[in-house]
């Protein structure tokens, strides 16, 4: 590996450490992220997100598809991916509307092909992906009645945090057209929750309740993929390969019981001084070890297309949220099993002339039922997405004296999504999501000679 690209890899690896440390507390706001382990991050890869989030039957030489680890067997180049996203939310409840926005780093991945007798047979990948995020803050004005008096009480709720994962995956060709893969995942993160009950009434015992739920444990997901080109017979009856292909893929994520540690700090006070410091009456500190059961996920996908030209794919995903268990061992009453159906496509003209003929254009659509089900009825969710991939040759920037081609792809994905519910008293949400990822690749195993 030349000095230029080594410098880039070193810089980005350092940035990845910052990403892992900071992304867990990225800007997200969703009232229902207080449930379970927060709001799921979804597919953070810009190229796949722009196609509705498909991944079970998606093979690309430009992207690290960690949705299906069997795709690692199709690596041809050393690849490095990193990026971030920006979200803009509009929360709607009745006639009230609130707008919020924020951005954060959201991905880092490396893919390396393994060649056997000059042919790619296997691949490995490792990286960082956010699993969920929590962010909310709201106040409820309540009334506490007693035989002697009626007291107005403010109930303040706020929370932040999330769960991230670092993965190490392996994929291999086990038969002609058939590949298998597995990811080993390490989940880690904290969910911070604070609840306050305060009143200006004389003698009222105010309370402050802080909880830190820390999750650290391992799990895995696996995938299989079968892809083949379509052959035809010529006028002499001989079999001839065409650039057309079909791919079928399946994925499974195991819903493990994750080890968790809960720390609760309770404070009781009557009032505060001029600096806002409470006059403490008593404190309570409690620690407990338990488990949080994650949901299992099944995915099935199909795609077809023309090599280096276009691809059309579809996918169906089902999650067993009925098996989710909180740290207290109880099921979440607002959760139900969810599903998502997606359709996506990408197109590259690949003509020798013209800047726009070298771009990759993507579009997609998804629809399904959310795992969050207020009043026993799940949210309906749909999203429309599009994106563009910009190829960049960076040999000159790195002053590469070798003949290897060092190139990259700047991928942009944009999605508009809506979460609706038949009950007007339930908070609905419309959002815009913009994901930008930079994919660096080096054709390490190709040598070119000019005569």
Protein backbone atom coordinates (compact mmCIF):
# COMPACT_ATOMS: atom_id res chain seq x y z
CA UNK A 1 0.00 0.00 0.00
CA UNK A 2 1.52 3.35 -1.04
CA UNK A 3 2.28 6.16 1.39
CA UNK A 4 -0.54 8.38 0.19
CA UNK A 5 -3.33 5.90 0.72
CA UNK A 6 -1.69 4.75 3.97
CA UNK A 7 -1.97 8.31 5.25
CA UNK A 8 -5.63 8.42 4.31
CA UNK A 9 -6.34 5.09 6.03
CA UNK A 10 -4.55 6.25 9.19
CA UNK A 11 -6.44 9.55 9.25
CA UNK A 12 -9.80 7.89 8.74
CA UNK A 13 -9.11 5.21 11.35
CA UNK A 14 -8.43 7.99 13.84
CA UNK A 15 -11.64 9.67 12.75
CA UNK A 16 -13.48 6.39 13.22
CA UNK A 17 -12.49 6.36 16.89
CA UNK A 18 -14.00 9.82 17.25
CA UNK A 19 -17.08 8.62 15.36
CA UNK A 20 -17.64 5.70 17.73
CA UNK A 21 -17.16 7.93 20.76
CA UNK A 22 -19.51 10.69 19.58
CA UNK A 23 -22.18 9.13 17.35
CA UNK A 24 -23.89 7.41 20.26
CA UNK A 25 -25.14 10.79 21.38
CA UNK A 26 -26.05 12.08 17.93
CA UNK A 27 -28.92 14.48 17.38
CA UNK A 28 -32.18 12.56 17.20
CA UNK A 29 -35.55 13.52 18.61
CA UNK A 30 -38.44 11.12 18.88
CA UNK A 31 -40.90 10.92 21.78
CA UNK A 32 -41.22 7.16 21.30
CA UNK A 33 -37.44 6.65 21.51
CA UNK A 34 -38.00 6.42 25.28
CA UNK A 35 -39.30 2.88 24.67
CA UNK A 36 -37.03 -0.15 24.56
CA UNK A 37 -33.48 0.73 23.50
CA UNK A 38 -34.40 3.79 21.44
CA UNK A 39 -35.25 4.42 17.82
CA UNK A 40 -33.58 2.04 15.32
CA UNK A 41 -31.05 3.71 13.04
CA UNK A 42 -32.03 1.75 9.92
CA UNK A 43 -29.69 1.28 6.95
CA UNK A 44 -26.98 3.94 7.23
CA UNK A 45 -25.19 3.13 3.94
CA UNK A 46 -26.02 6.05 1.59
CA UNK A 47 -26.18 3.95 -1.57
CA UNK A 48 -28.50 1.32 -0.12
CA UNK A 49 -30.64 3.84 1.76
CA UNK A 50 -31.23 5.63 -1.55
CA UNK A 51 -32.69 2.37 -2.91
CA UNK A 52 -35.24 1.90 -0.16
CA UNK A 53 -32.74 0.16 2.14
CA UNK A 54 -32.39 -3.08 0.13
CA UNK A 55 -29.39 -5.25 0.95
CA UNK A 56 -30.27 -8.95 1.20
CA UNK A 57 -29.69 -9.50 -2.55
CA UNK A 58 -27.44 -6.55 -3.35
CA UNK A 59 -23.89 -7.04 -4.64
CA UNK A 60 -21.60 -4.09 -5.37
CA UNK A 61 -17.90 -3.57 -5.94
CA UNK A 62 -18.21 0.01 -4.64
CA UNK A 63 -20.05 -0.49 -1.32
CA UNK A 64 -19.57 -2.60 1.81
CA UNK A 65 -22.96 -4.29 2.19
CA UNK A 66 -22.95 -5.34 5.86
CA UNK A 67 -26.70 -6.13 5.68
CA UNK A 68 -25.77 -9.47 4.11
CA UNK A 69 -22.26 -10.67 5.04
CA UNK A 70 -22.37 -13.21 2.19
CA UNK A 71 -21.71 -10.23 -0.11
CA UNK A 72 -18.15 -10.00 1.26
CA UNK A 73 -17.22 -12.94 -0.98
CA UNK A 74 -17.74 -10.62 -3.97
CA UNK A 75 -15.14 -8.02 -2.92
CA UNK A 76 -12.67 -7.18 -5.68
CA UNK A 77 -10.86 -4.21 -4.14
CA UNK A 78 -9.75 -3.01 -0.74
CA UNK A 79 -12.54 -0.65 0.35
CA UNK A 80 -13.01 1.87 3.11
CA UNK A 81 -16.30 3.64 3.84
CA UNK A 82 -17.12 6.45 6.24
CA UNK A 83 -19.85 9.08 6.41
CA UNK A 84 -22.56 10.87 8.31
CA UNK A 85 -26.19 11.91 8.15
CA UNK A 86 -28.46 14.86 8.78
CA UNK A 87 -32.09 14.56 9.92
CA UNK A 88 -34.90 17.08 9.94
CA UNK A 89 -38.03 16.11 11.91
CA UNK A 90 -41.53 17.51 12.01
CA UNK A 91 -43.58 16.21 14.97
CA UNK A 92 -47.35 16.61 14.62
CA UNK A 93 -50.01 16.13 17.29
CA UNK A 94 -53.43 17.58 16.62
CA UNK A 95 -52.88 21.20 15.55
CA UNK A 96 -49.45 21.39 17.19
CA UNK A 97 -46.31 21.06 15.08
CA UNK A 98 -42.68 21.05 16.25
CA UNK A 99 -39.60 21.10 14.01
CA UNK A 100 -36.17 19.76 15.02
CA UNK A 101 -32.97 18.84 13.19
CA UNK A 102 -29.45 17.54 13.76
CA UNK A 103 -26.58 15.59 12.26
CA UNK A 104 -23.87 13.12 13.29
CA UNK A 105 -21.26 10.66 11.98
CA UNK A 106 -22.95 7.34 11.35
CA UNK A 107 -20.70 4.75 9.71
CA UNK A 108 -17.23 3.33 9.25
CA UNK A 109 -16.39 0.10 7.43
CA UNK A 110 -13.44 -1.66 5.77
CA UNK A 111 -13.69 -4.47 3.22
CA UNK A 112 -10.77 -6.66 2.11
CA UNK A 113 -10.89 -9.38 -0.58
CA UNK A 114 -8.99 -12.65 -0.16
CA UNK A 115 -7.57 -14.02 -3.39
CA UNK A 116 -6.78 -17.71 -3.91
CA UNK A 117 -4.87 -18.56 -7.10
CA UNK A 118 -5.45 -15.01 -8.35
CA UNK A 119 -9.22 -15.35 -8.00
CA UNK A 120 -11.37 -13.68 -5.31
CA UNK A 121 -12.84 -16.42 -3.13
CA UNK A 122 -13.49 -14.77 0.23
CA UNK A 123 -13.72 -11.43 1.93
CA UNK A 124 -13.57 -9.93 5.39
CA UNK A 125 -15.05 -6.71 6.72
CA UNK A 126 -15.07 -4.79 9.97
CA UNK A 127 -16.53 -1.50 11.06
CA UNK A 128 -18.92 0.52 13.16
CA UNK A 129 -22.69 0.95 12.74
CA UNK A 130 -25.21 2.64 15.08
CA UNK A 131 -28.03 0.30 16.16
CA UNK A 132 -30.37 2.72 17.93
CA UNK A 133 -30.57 6.23 19.32
CA UNK A 134 -32.70 7.95 21.94
CA UNK A 135 -33.47 11.64 22.33
CA UNK A 136 -36.54 13.25 23.86
CA UNK A 137 -37.66 15.93 26.32
CA UNK A 138 -41.20 16.86 27.32
CA UNK A 139 -43.22 18.17 30.28
CA UNK A 140 -46.63 17.13 31.57
CA UNK A 141 -48.62 19.39 33.90
CA UNK A 142 -50.56 17.32 36.41
CA UNK A 143 -52.71 17.92 39.48
CA UNK A 144 -52.34 16.06 42.78
CA UNK A 145 -55.46 16.21 44.93
CA UNK A 146 -55.68 15.58 48.67
CA UNK A 147 -58.49 16.08 51.22
CA UNK A 148 -56.86 19.34 52.31
CA UNK A 149 -55.59 20.88 49.06
CA UNK A 150 -54.94 20.60 45.33
CA UNK A 151 -51.33 20.91 44.09
CA UNK A 152 -50.08 21.62 40.57
CA UNK A 153 -47.14 19.37 39.69
CA UNK A 154 -44.73 19.50 36.73
CA UNK A 155 -43.55 16.13 35.44
CA UNK A 156 -40.37 16.51 33.33
CA UNK A 157 -39.06 13.65 31.18
CA UNK A 158 -35.86 13.63 29.14
CA UNK A 159 -33.44 11.09 27.78
CA UNK A 160 -30.54 10.55 25.41
CA UNK A 161 -28.03 7.94 24.36
CA UNK A 162 -28.13 4.87 22.17
CA UNK A 163 -26.70 1.48 21.33
CA UNK A 164 -23.89 1.02 18.78
CA UNK A 165 -22.22 -2.02 17.33
CA UNK A 166 -18.77 -2.95 16.07
CA UNK A 167 -18.73 -5.90 13.70
CA UNK A 168 -16.22 -8.32 12.20
CA UNK A 169 -17.52 -10.34 9.28
CA UNK A 170 -16.44 -13.06 6.87
CA UNK A 171 -17.95 -14.23 3.59
CA UNK A 172 -16.89 -17.04 1.24
CA UNK A 173 -17.92 -18.74 -1.98
CA UNK A 174 -18.88 -22.31 -1.08
CA UNK A 175 -20.20 -23.40 -4.48
CA UNK A 176 -20.65 -21.95 -7.95
CA UNK A 177 -22.72 -18.80 -7.46
CA UNK A 178 -23.43 -19.55 -3.78
CA UNK A 179 -21.82 -17.63 -0.92
CA UNK A 180 -22.31 -17.67 2.84
CA UNK A 181 -21.34 -15.09 5.43
CA UNK A 182 -21.49 -14.21 9.11
CA UNK A 183 -20.98 -11.08 11.21
CA UNK A 184 -19.87 -11.16 14.82
CA UNK A 185 -21.26 -8.07 16.53
CA UNK A 186 -20.27 -6.37 19.76
CA UNK A 187 -23.10 -4.15 21.05
CA UNK A 188 -22.38 -1.37 23.52
CA UNK A 189 -24.03 1.82 24.69
CA UNK A 190 -25.90 3.69 27.39
CA UNK A 191 -29.46 4.96 27.63
CA UNK A 192 -29.78 7.88 30.05
CA UNK A 193 -33.23 8.70 31.45
CA UNK A 194 -34.21 11.48 33.83
CA UNK A 195 -37.63 12.05 35.39
CA UNK A 196 -38.41 14.98 37.69
CA UNK A 197 -41.53 15.74 39.72
CA UNK A 198 -41.56 19.31 41.03
CA UNK A 199 -44.02 21.80 42.49
CA UNK A 200 -43.83 25.30 43.99
CA UNK A 201 -46.24 24.33 46.74
CA UNK A 202 -44.88 24.76 50.28
CA UNK A 203 -43.71 21.51 51.80
CA UNK A 204 -44.04 19.48 48.59
CA UNK A 205 -41.45 16.71 48.38
CA UNK A 206 -39.87 17.06 44.91
CA UNK A 207 -38.19 14.03 43.34
CA UNK A 208 -35.48 13.52 40.74
CA UNK A 209 -34.98 10.05 39.27
CA UNK A 210 -31.98 9.29 37.02
CA UNK A 211 -31.39 5.95 35.32
CA UNK A 212 -28.39 4.77 33.29
CA UNK A 213 -28.95 1.52 31.38
CA UNK A 214 -25.62 0.25 30.01
CA UNK A 215 -25.64 -2.61 27.48
CA UNK A 216 -22.52 -4.61 26.48
CA UNK A 217 -22.68 -8.01 24.81
CA UNK A 218 -22.14 -10.03 21.64
CA UNK A 219 -24.49 -11.35 18.99
CA UNK A 220 -24.33 -12.39 15.35
CA UNK A 221 -26.11 -12.18 12.03
CA UNK A 222 -25.73 -14.40 8.99
CA UNK A 223 -26.61 -14.41 5.34
CA UNK A 224 -26.57 -16.42 2.15
CA UNK A 225 -26.59 -15.28 -1.43
CA UNK A 226 -26.89 -16.97 -4.82
CA UNK A 227 -26.04 -15.02 -7.94
CA UNK A 228 -25.54 -16.15 -11.52
CA UNK A 229 -25.43 -14.73 -15.00
CA UNK A 230 -28.07 -15.66 -17.56
CA UNK A 231 -26.80 -17.80 -20.42
CA UNK A 232 -28.33 -18.27 -23.87
CA UNK A 233 -27.61 -20.55 -26.79
CA UNK A 234 -26.44 -19.24 -30.13
CA UNK A 235 -27.48 -20.47 -33.57
CA UNK A 236 -25.05 -23.41 -33.27
CA UNK A 237 -26.48 -24.50 -29.95
CA UNK A 238 -23.48 -23.35 -27.95
CA UNK A 239 -24.02 -21.81 -24.50
CA UNK A 240 -23.03 -18.16 -24.32
CA UNK A 241 -22.89 -15.94 -21.24
CA UNK A 242 -24.68 -12.60 -21.22
CA UNK A 243 -24.17 -9.53 -19.01
CA UNK A 244 -27.56 -10.16 -17.38
CA UNK A 245 -27.67 -11.55 -13.84
CA UNK A 246 -30.08 -12.59 -11.08
CA UNK A 247 -29.43 -12.67 -7.31
CA UNK A 248 -31.37 -14.18 -4.43
CA UNK A 249 -30.39 -13.55 -0.81
CA UNK A 250 -31.50 -14.17 2.74
CA UNK A 251 -30.43 -12.71 6.10
CA UNK A 252 -30.94 -13.53 9.76
CA UNK A 253 -30.06 -11.53 12.89
CA UNK A 254 -30.13 -13.36 16.21
CA UNK A 255 -32.08 -11.71 19.02
CA UNK A 256 -29.70 -12.32 21.89
CA UNK A 257 -30.22 -11.62 25.58
CA UNK A 258 -27.80 -8.73 26.07
CA UNK A 259 -26.09 -8.22 29.40
CA UNK A 260 -27.16 -4.95 31.01
CA UNK A 261 -26.33 -2.94 34.11
CA UNK A 262 -28.85 -0.49 35.53
CA UNK A 263 -27.85 2.34 37.86
CA UNK A 264 -30.59 4.44 39.49
CA UNK A 265 -30.03 7.60 41.49
CA UNK A 266 -33.03 9.04 43.31
CA UNK A 267 -33.06 12.46 45.00
CA UNK A 268 -35.69 13.98 47.28
CA UNK A 269 -35.73 17.71 48.02
CA UNK A 270 -38.17 20.43 49.13
CA UNK A 271 -36.99 23.51 47.22
CA UNK A 272 -33.93 25.16 45.66
CA UNK A 273 -31.74 28.10 46.60
CA UNK A 274 -31.10 31.16 44.40
CA UNK A 275 -28.52 29.20 42.35
CA UNK A 276 -31.00 26.41 41.62
CA UNK A 277 -29.29 23.90 43.91
CA UNK A 278 -31.87 21.70 45.66
CA UNK A 279 -32.08 21.33 49.43
CA UNK A 280 -31.64 17.57 49.56
CA UNK A 281 -33.69 15.58 52.06
CA UNK A 282 -32.50 12.11 51.02
CA UNK A 283 -30.80 10.18 48.20
CA UNK A 284 -31.07 6.61 46.98
CA UNK A 285 -28.52 4.72 44.87
CA UNK A 286 -29.42 1.37 43.33
CA UNK A 287 -27.50 -0.94 40.96
CA UNK A 288 -28.70 -4.09 39.25
CA UNK A 289 -27.43 -6.52 36.62
CA UNK A 290 -29.95 -7.96 34.17
CA UNK A 291 -30.49 -8.70 30.47
CA UNK A 292 -32.29 -7.00 27.58
CA UNK A 293 -33.67 -9.31 24.89
CA UNK A 294 -33.22 -7.94 21.36
CA UNK A 295 -35.55 -8.91 18.48
CA UNK A 296 -34.63 -11.45 15.82
CA UNK A 297 -34.81 -10.27 12.21
CA UNK A 298 -35.42 -12.19 8.97
CA UNK A 299 -34.86 -10.80 5.48
CA UNK A 300 -35.39 -12.09 1.94
CA UNK A 301 -34.41 -10.30 -1.24
CA UNK A 302 -34.29 -10.67 -5.03
CA UNK A 303 -32.56 -8.59 -7.67
CA UNK A 304 -31.74 -8.71 -11.38
CA UNK A 305 -29.96 -6.47 -13.82
CA UNK A 306 -27.16 -5.94 -16.27
CA UNK A 307 -23.55 -5.98 -15.07
CA UNK A 308 -22.07 -2.47 -14.73
CA UNK A 309 -25.29 -0.94 -16.03
CA UNK A 310 -28.40 -1.26 -13.86
CA UNK A 311 -30.00 -3.21 -11.03
CA UNK A 312 -33.57 -3.58 -9.76
CA UNK A 313 -34.13 -5.23 -6.39
CA UNK A 314 -36.83 -5.94 -3.85
CA UNK A 315 -36.72 -7.04 -0.22
CA UNK A 316 -38.99 -8.08 2.62
CA UNK A 317 -37.93 -7.86 6.27
CA UNK A 318 -39.70 -9.12 9.38
CA UNK A 319 -38.75 -8.39 13.01
CA UNK A 320 -39.96 -10.32 16.07
CA UNK A 321 -40.47 -7.49 18.54
CA UNK A 322 -42.86 -9.68 20.51
CA UNK A 323 -39.77 -11.41 21.95
CA UNK A 324 -38.23 -8.12 23.14
CA UNK A 325 -37.77 -7.87 26.91
CA UNK A 326 -36.79 -4.83 28.95
CA UNK A 327 -34.17 -4.96 31.71
CA UNK A 328 -36.94 -5.80 34.20
CA UNK A 329 -37.75 -8.95 32.23
CA UNK A 330 -41.10 -7.59 31.04
CA UNK A 331 -42.35 -7.26 27.47
CA UNK A 332 -42.79 -3.73 26.11
CA UNK A 333 -46.60 -3.20 25.87
CA UNK A 334 -46.20 -0.65 23.05
CA UNK A 335 -44.24 -3.05 20.79
CA UNK A 336 -45.50 -5.45 18.14
CA UNK A 337 -43.90 -7.46 15.33
CA UNK A 338 -42.99 -5.28 12.35
CA UNK A 339 -42.39 -5.69 8.63
CA UNK A 340 -40.93 -3.63 5.79
CA UNK A 341 -41.23 -4.17 2.03
CA UNK A 342 -38.80 -2.25 -0.19
CA UNK A 343 -38.15 -1.73 -3.89
CA UNK A 344 -35.03 -0.06 -5.27
CA UNK A 345 -33.01 0.48 -8.43
CA UNK A 346 -29.71 1.93 -9.60
CA UNK A 347 -28.46 2.89 -13.06
CA UNK A 348 -25.04 3.77 -14.49
CA UNK A 349 -24.65 4.65 -18.17
CA UNK A 350 -20.91 3.87 -18.16
CA UNK A 351 -20.30 5.68 -21.43
CA UNK A 352 -16.75 6.83 -22.21
CA UNK A 353 -17.64 10.51 -22.60
CA UNK A 354 -19.69 12.90 -20.51
CA UNK A 355 -19.57 13.53 -16.75
CA UNK A 356 -23.23 12.62 -16.18
CA UNK A 357 -22.77 9.30 -18.01
CA UNK A 358 -20.37 8.18 -15.28
CA UNK A 359 -22.69 8.92 -12.35
CA UNK A 360 -24.73 6.23 -10.60
CA UNK A 361 -28.39 7.15 -10.10
CA UNK A 362 -30.49 5.46 -7.41
CA UNK A 363 -34.13 5.53 -6.29
CA UNK A 364 -36.30 3.49 -3.96
CA UNK A 365 -39.47 3.10 -1.97
CA UNK A 366 -40.34 1.32 1.29
CA UNK A 367 -43.53 0.66 3.21
CA UNK A 368 -44.36 -1.23 6.38
CA UNK A 369 -45.68 -1.33 9.92
CA UNK A 370 -43.51 0.05 12.70
CA UNK A 371 -42.68 -1.97 15.81
CA UNK A 372 -44.12 0.89 17.91
CA UNK A 373 -47.85 0.37 18.41
CA UNK A 374 -49.63 3.02 20.54
CA UNK A 375 -53.12 1.95 21.62
CA UNK A 376 -52.39 -1.50 20.19
CA UNK A 377 -52.23 -0.20 16.60
CA UNK A 378 -48.79 0.09 14.96
CA UNK A 379 -47.62 3.15 13.07
CA UNK A 380 -47.69 2.92 9.28
CA UNK A 381 -44.40 4.00 7.74
CA UNK A 382 -43.38 4.77 4.19
CA UNK A 383 -40.33 6.35 2.63
CA UNK A 384 -39.34 7.63 -0.81
CA UNK A 385 -35.63 7.93 -1.52
CA UNK A 386 -33.18 8.86 -4.24
CA UNK A 387 -29.44 9.34 -4.53
CA UNK A 388 -26.39 9.83 -6.72
CA UNK A 389 -22.93 8.29 -6.72
CA UNK A 390 -20.05 10.47 -7.93
CA UNK A 391 -16.90 8.58 -9.05
CA UNK A 392 -13.57 10.23 -8.23
CA UNK A 393 -10.05 9.21 -9.35
CA UNK A 394 -7.54 10.38 -6.76
CA UNK A 395 -4.17 9.07 -7.98
CA UNK A 396 -2.99 12.60 -8.65
CA UNK A 397 -4.01 13.76 -5.18
CA UNK A 398 -1.97 10.99 -3.59
CA UNK A 399 0.97 11.37 -6.01
CA UNK A 400 0.80 7.63 -6.62
CA UNK A 401 3.75 6.52 -8.67
CA UNK A 402 2.43 3.00 -9.14
CA UNK A 403 0.15 1.84 -11.89
CA UNK A 404 -2.66 0.83 -9.51
CA UNK A 405 -5.89 2.77 -9.79
CA UNK A 406 -6.88 4.44 -6.51
CA UNK A 407 -10.47 5.63 -6.88
CA UNK A 408 -13.39 6.59 -4.74
CA UNK A 409 -17.13 7.10 -4.84
CA UNK A 410 -18.97 9.91 -3.11
CA UNK A 411 -22.51 8.65 -2.42
CA UNK A 412 -25.42 10.90 -1.54
CA UNK A 413 -28.78 9.53 -0.37
CA UNK A 414 -31.92 11.49 0.47
CA UNK A 415 -35.12 10.07 1.95
CA UNK A 416 -38.49 11.56 2.85
CA UNK A 417 -40.44 9.39 5.29
CA UNK A 418 -43.74 9.62 7.12
CA UNK A 419 -45.01 7.84 10.23
CA UNK A 420 -48.80 7.97 10.58
CA UNK A 421 -51.43 6.63 12.98
CA UNK A 422 -55.26 6.56 12.85
CA UNK A 423 -55.53 8.10 16.35
CA UNK A 424 -55.17 11.93 16.08
CA UNK A 425 -54.02 12.09 19.73
CA UNK A 426 -50.86 10.13 18.83
CA UNK A 427 -47.77 12.07 17.75
CA UNK A 428 -47.06 11.59 14.04
CA UNK A 429 -43.76 12.37 12.36
CA UNK A 430 -42.53 13.48 8.94
CA UNK A 431 -38.79 13.59 8.35
CA UNK A 432 -36.06 14.26 5.82
CA UNK A 433 -32.89 12.21 6.04
CA UNK A 434 -29.68 13.01 4.15
CA UNK A 435 -26.78 10.51 4.24
CA UNK A 436 -23.38 11.23 2.72
CA UNK A 437 -20.70 8.54 2.54
CA UNK A 438 -17.23 8.44 1.04
CA UNK A 439 -16.06 5.11 -0.38
CA UNK A 440 -12.34 4.73 -1.01
CA UNK A 441 -11.08 1.71 -2.92
CA UNK A 442 -7.73 0.56 -4.25
CA UNK A 443 -7.24 -1.99 -7.00
CA UNK A 444 -4.45 -3.63 -5.12
CA UNK A 445 -4.35 -6.79 -7.20
CA UNK A 446 -4.40 -5.33 -10.70
CA UNK A 447 -1.24 -4.54 -12.66
CA UNK A 448 -1.34 -2.70 -15.96
CA UNK A 449 1.38 -2.75 -18.62
CA UNK A 450 1.63 -0.31 -21.48
CA UNK A 451 3.52 -1.06 -24.68
